[in-house]
Amino acid sequence: MATSIQISEELQKELIKRKLSDKETYEGVIWDLVEDSQELSEQTKIEIAQARSEIKAGKFHILGEVKKELGL
């Protein structure tokens, strides 16, 4: 169910600045802000830690190397 809200001109200007494109809706901007403030799940935290360990261990590929291997 859609609803409308009233916001100040100042807030509208701030939301406009945060748009990634002219076609992005205010709802999209607000969802991005909400997502940024949410806590990461435990599974995500585990996966981030695992990825950091793999990078420290040298288990990664540089984009240029991958392109070269694939002949791109």
N, C-alpha and C. Protein backbone atom coordinates (compact mmCIF):
# COMPACT_ATOMS: atom_id res chain seq x y z
N MET A 1 0.84 -1.17 0.00
CA MET A 1 0.00 0.00 0.00
C MET A 1 0.89 1.24 0.00
N ALA A 2 0.72 2.09 -0.97
CA ALA A 2 1.50 3.31 -1.07
C ALA A 2 0.90 4.38 -0.17
N THR A 3 1.74 5.25 0.31
CA THR A 3 1.30 6.37 1.12
C THR A 3 2.15 7.57 0.76
N SER A 4 1.71 8.73 1.13
CA SER A 4 2.51 9.93 0.89
C SER A 4 2.90 10.53 2.23
N ILE A 5 4.03 11.23 2.21
CA ILE A 5 4.51 11.88 3.42
C ILE A 5 4.90 13.31 3.08
N GLN A 6 4.92 14.16 4.08
CA GLN A 6 5.37 15.53 3.88
C GLN A 6 6.79 15.65 4.41
N ILE A 7 7.64 16.27 3.60
CA ILE A 7 9.02 16.52 4.02
C ILE A 7 9.36 17.97 3.74
N SER A 8 10.34 18.47 4.43
CA SER A 8 10.75 19.86 4.23
C SER A 8 11.52 19.99 2.91
N GLU A 9 11.62 21.20 2.42
CA GLU A 9 12.40 21.44 1.20
C GLU A 9 13.87 21.08 1.44
N GLU A 10 14.34 21.33 2.64
CA GLU A 10 15.73 21.01 2.99
C GLU A 10 15.99 19.51 2.87
N LEU A 11 15.07 18.69 3.38
CA LEU A 11 15.22 17.25 3.29
C LEU A 11 15.11 16.80 1.84
N GLN A 12 14.20 17.38 1.09
CA GLN A 12 14.07 17.02 -0.33
C GLN A 12 15.37 17.30 -1.08
N LYS A 13 15.99 18.43 -0.81
CA LYS A 13 17.27 18.77 -1.45
C LYS A 13 18.34 17.74 -1.08
N GLU A 14 18.34 17.30 0.17
CA GLU A 14 19.31 16.29 0.61
C GLU A 14 19.06 14.96 -0.08
N LEU A 15 17.81 14.57 -0.21
CA LEU A 15 17.48 13.32 -0.90
C LEU A 15 17.88 13.39 -2.37
N ILE A 16 17.68 14.54 -2.98
CA ILE A 16 18.07 14.71 -4.39
C ILE A 16 19.58 14.53 -4.54
N LYS A 17 20.35 15.06 -3.61
CA LYS A 17 21.82 14.92 -3.67
C LYS A 17 22.25 13.47 -3.54
N ARG A 18 21.47 12.67 -2.84
CA ARG A 18 21.84 11.27 -2.60
C ARG A 18 21.38 10.32 -3.70
N LYS A 19 20.61 10.81 -4.66
CA LYS A 19 20.17 9.97 -5.76
C LYS A 19 21.37 9.54 -6.59
N LEU A 20 21.40 8.28 -6.98
CA LEU A 20 22.48 7.77 -7.82
C LEU A 20 22.23 8.09 -9.29
N SER A 21 20.97 8.32 -9.65
CA SER A 21 20.62 8.72 -11.00
C SER A 21 19.35 9.55 -10.94
N ASP A 22 19.06 10.26 -12.03
CA ASP A 22 17.85 11.08 -12.06
C ASP A 22 16.58 10.25 -11.97
N LYS A 23 16.67 8.99 -12.42
CA LYS A 23 15.49 8.12 -12.43
C LYS A 23 15.25 7.42 -11.10
N GLU A 24 16.21 7.48 -10.19
CA GLU A 24 16.04 6.83 -8.89
C GLU A 24 14.94 7.53 -8.10
N THR A 25 14.10 6.75 -7.46
CA THR A 25 13.00 7.32 -6.68
C THR A 25 13.48 7.69 -5.28
N TYR A 26 12.70 8.53 -4.62
CA TYR A 26 13.00 8.85 -3.23
C TYR A 26 12.92 7.60 -2.37
N GLU A 27 12.01 6.70 -2.70
CA GLU A 27 11.90 5.46 -1.95
C GLU A 27 13.21 4.68 -2.04
N GLY A 28 13.80 4.62 -3.23
CA GLY A 28 15.07 3.93 -3.39
C GLY A 28 16.17 4.54 -2.53
N VAL A 29 16.19 5.87 -2.50
CA VAL A 29 17.19 6.58 -1.68
C VAL A 29 16.98 6.25 -0.21
N ILE A 30 15.73 6.28 0.23
CA ILE A 30 15.43 6.01 1.64
C ILE A 30 15.78 4.56 2.00
N TRP A 31 15.47 3.60 1.10
CA TRP A 31 15.82 2.20 1.38
C TRP A 31 17.34 2.04 1.51
N ASP A 32 18.10 2.74 0.66
CA ASP A 32 19.56 2.68 0.77
C ASP A 32 20.03 3.19 2.12
N LEU A 33 19.41 4.26 2.60
CA LEU A 33 19.78 4.81 3.91
C LEU A 33 19.43 3.84 5.03
N VAL A 34 18.26 3.21 4.93
CA VAL A 34 17.84 2.23 5.95
C VAL A 34 18.81 1.05 5.95
N GLU A 35 19.14 0.57 4.77
CA GLU A 35 20.04 -0.58 4.67
C GLU A 35 21.40 -0.26 5.27
N ASP A 36 21.90 0.95 5.03
CA ASP A 36 23.20 1.35 5.56
C ASP A 36 23.22 1.37 7.08
N SER A 37 22.07 1.56 7.70
CA SER A 37 22.03 1.66 9.16
C SER A 37 21.75 0.32 9.83
N GLN A 38 21.46 -0.71 9.04
CA GLN A 38 21.13 -2.01 9.63
C GLN A 38 22.40 -2.78 9.99
N GLU A 39 22.29 -3.61 10.98
CA GLU A 39 23.39 -4.46 11.45
C GLU A 39 23.58 -5.61 10.47
N LEU A 40 24.83 -5.96 10.22
CA LEU A 40 25.12 -7.11 9.38
C LEU A 40 24.71 -8.40 10.09
N SER A 41 24.25 -9.37 9.33
CA SER A 41 23.89 -10.66 9.92
C SER A 41 25.16 -11.38 10.37
N GLU A 42 25.00 -12.33 11.27
CA GLU A 42 26.15 -13.10 11.75
C GLU A 42 26.81 -13.85 10.60
N GLN A 43 26.00 -14.39 9.68
CA GLN A 43 26.54 -15.12 8.53
C GLN A 43 27.39 -14.19 7.66
N THR A 44 26.93 -12.97 7.45
CA THR A 44 27.69 -12.00 6.65
C THR A 44 29.00 -11.66 7.34
N LYS A 45 28.96 -11.48 8.65
CA LYS A 45 30.19 -11.18 9.40
C LYS A 45 31.19 -12.32 9.26
N ILE A 46 30.71 -13.56 9.32
CA ILE A 46 31.59 -14.74 9.17
C ILE A 46 32.21 -14.75 7.78
N GLU A 47 31.39 -14.49 6.76
CA GLU A 47 31.88 -14.50 5.38
C GLU A 47 32.90 -13.39 5.13
N ILE A 48 32.70 -12.23 5.72
CA ILE A 48 33.67 -11.14 5.60
C ILE A 48 34.99 -11.53 6.24
N ALA A 49 34.93 -12.10 7.42
CA ALA A 49 36.16 -12.54 8.10
C ALA A 49 36.89 -13.60 7.28
N GLN A 50 36.13 -14.52 6.70
CA GLN A 50 36.72 -15.57 5.87
C GLN A 50 37.39 -14.96 4.63
N ALA A 51 36.72 -14.01 4.01
CA ALA A 51 37.29 -13.36 2.82
C ALA A 51 38.56 -12.61 3.17
N ARG A 52 38.58 -11.95 4.30
CA ARG A 52 39.79 -11.22 4.72
C ARG A 52 40.95 -12.20 4.95
N SER A 53 40.65 -13.34 5.54
CA SER A 53 41.69 -14.36 5.77
C SER A 53 42.24 -14.87 4.44
N GLU A 54 41.36 -15.11 3.48
CA GLU A 54 41.80 -15.59 2.17
C GLU A 54 42.66 -14.56 1.47
N ILE A 55 42.32 -13.29 1.58
CA ILE A 55 43.12 -12.23 0.96
C ILE A 55 44.50 -12.18 1.61
N LYS A 56 44.55 -12.25 2.94
CA LYS A 56 45.84 -12.25 3.64
C LYS A 56 46.70 -13.44 3.23
N ALA A 57 46.05 -14.56 2.93
CA ALA A 57 46.77 -15.77 2.54
C ALA A 57 47.13 -15.76 1.05
N GLY A 58 46.75 -14.70 0.35
CA GLY A 58 47.08 -14.60 -1.06
C GLY A 58 46.14 -15.38 -1.97
N LYS A 59 45.02 -15.78 -1.46
CA LYS A 59 44.05 -16.56 -2.26
C LYS A 59 43.07 -15.62 -2.95
N PHE A 60 43.57 -14.91 -3.95
CA PHE A 60 42.72 -14.01 -4.72
C PHE A 60 43.31 -13.85 -6.11
N HIS A 61 42.52 -13.29 -7.00
CA HIS A 61 42.95 -13.06 -8.38
C HIS A 61 42.75 -11.59 -8.71
N ILE A 62 43.72 -11.00 -9.38
CA ILE A 62 43.62 -9.63 -9.82
C ILE A 62 42.88 -9.62 -11.16
N LEU A 63 42.00 -8.65 -11.35
CA LEU A 63 41.17 -8.59 -12.54
C LEU A 63 42.00 -8.67 -13.82
N GLY A 64 43.11 -7.97 -13.86
CA GLY A 64 43.96 -7.99 -15.04
C GLY A 64 44.46 -9.39 -15.36
N GLU A 65 44.80 -10.15 -14.32
CA GLU A 65 45.27 -11.53 -14.52
C GLU A 65 44.16 -12.41 -15.06
N VAL A 66 42.97 -12.25 -14.54
CA VAL A 66 41.83 -13.05 -14.99
C VAL A 66 41.53 -12.74 -16.46
N LYS A 67 41.54 -11.47 -16.81
CA LYS A 67 41.29 -11.08 -18.21
C LYS A 67 42.34 -11.71 -19.12
N LYS A 68 43.58 -11.68 -18.67
CA LYS A 68 44.67 -12.23 -19.48
C LYS A 68 44.46 -13.74 -19.68
N GLU A 69 44.12 -14.44 -18.60
CA GLU A 69 43.88 -15.89 -18.67
C GLU A 69 42.71 -16.22 -19.62
N LEU A 70 41.71 -15.36 -19.61
CA LEU A 70 40.53 -15.60 -20.44
C LEU A 70 40.68 -15.04 -21.85
N GLY A 71 41.78 -14.35 -22.09
CA GLY A 71 42.02 -13.77 -23.40
C GLY A 71 41.13 -12.58 -23.71
N LEU A 72 40.79 -11.83 -22.70
CA LEU A 72 39.94 -10.66 -22.90
C LEU A 72 40.74 -9.38 -23.00
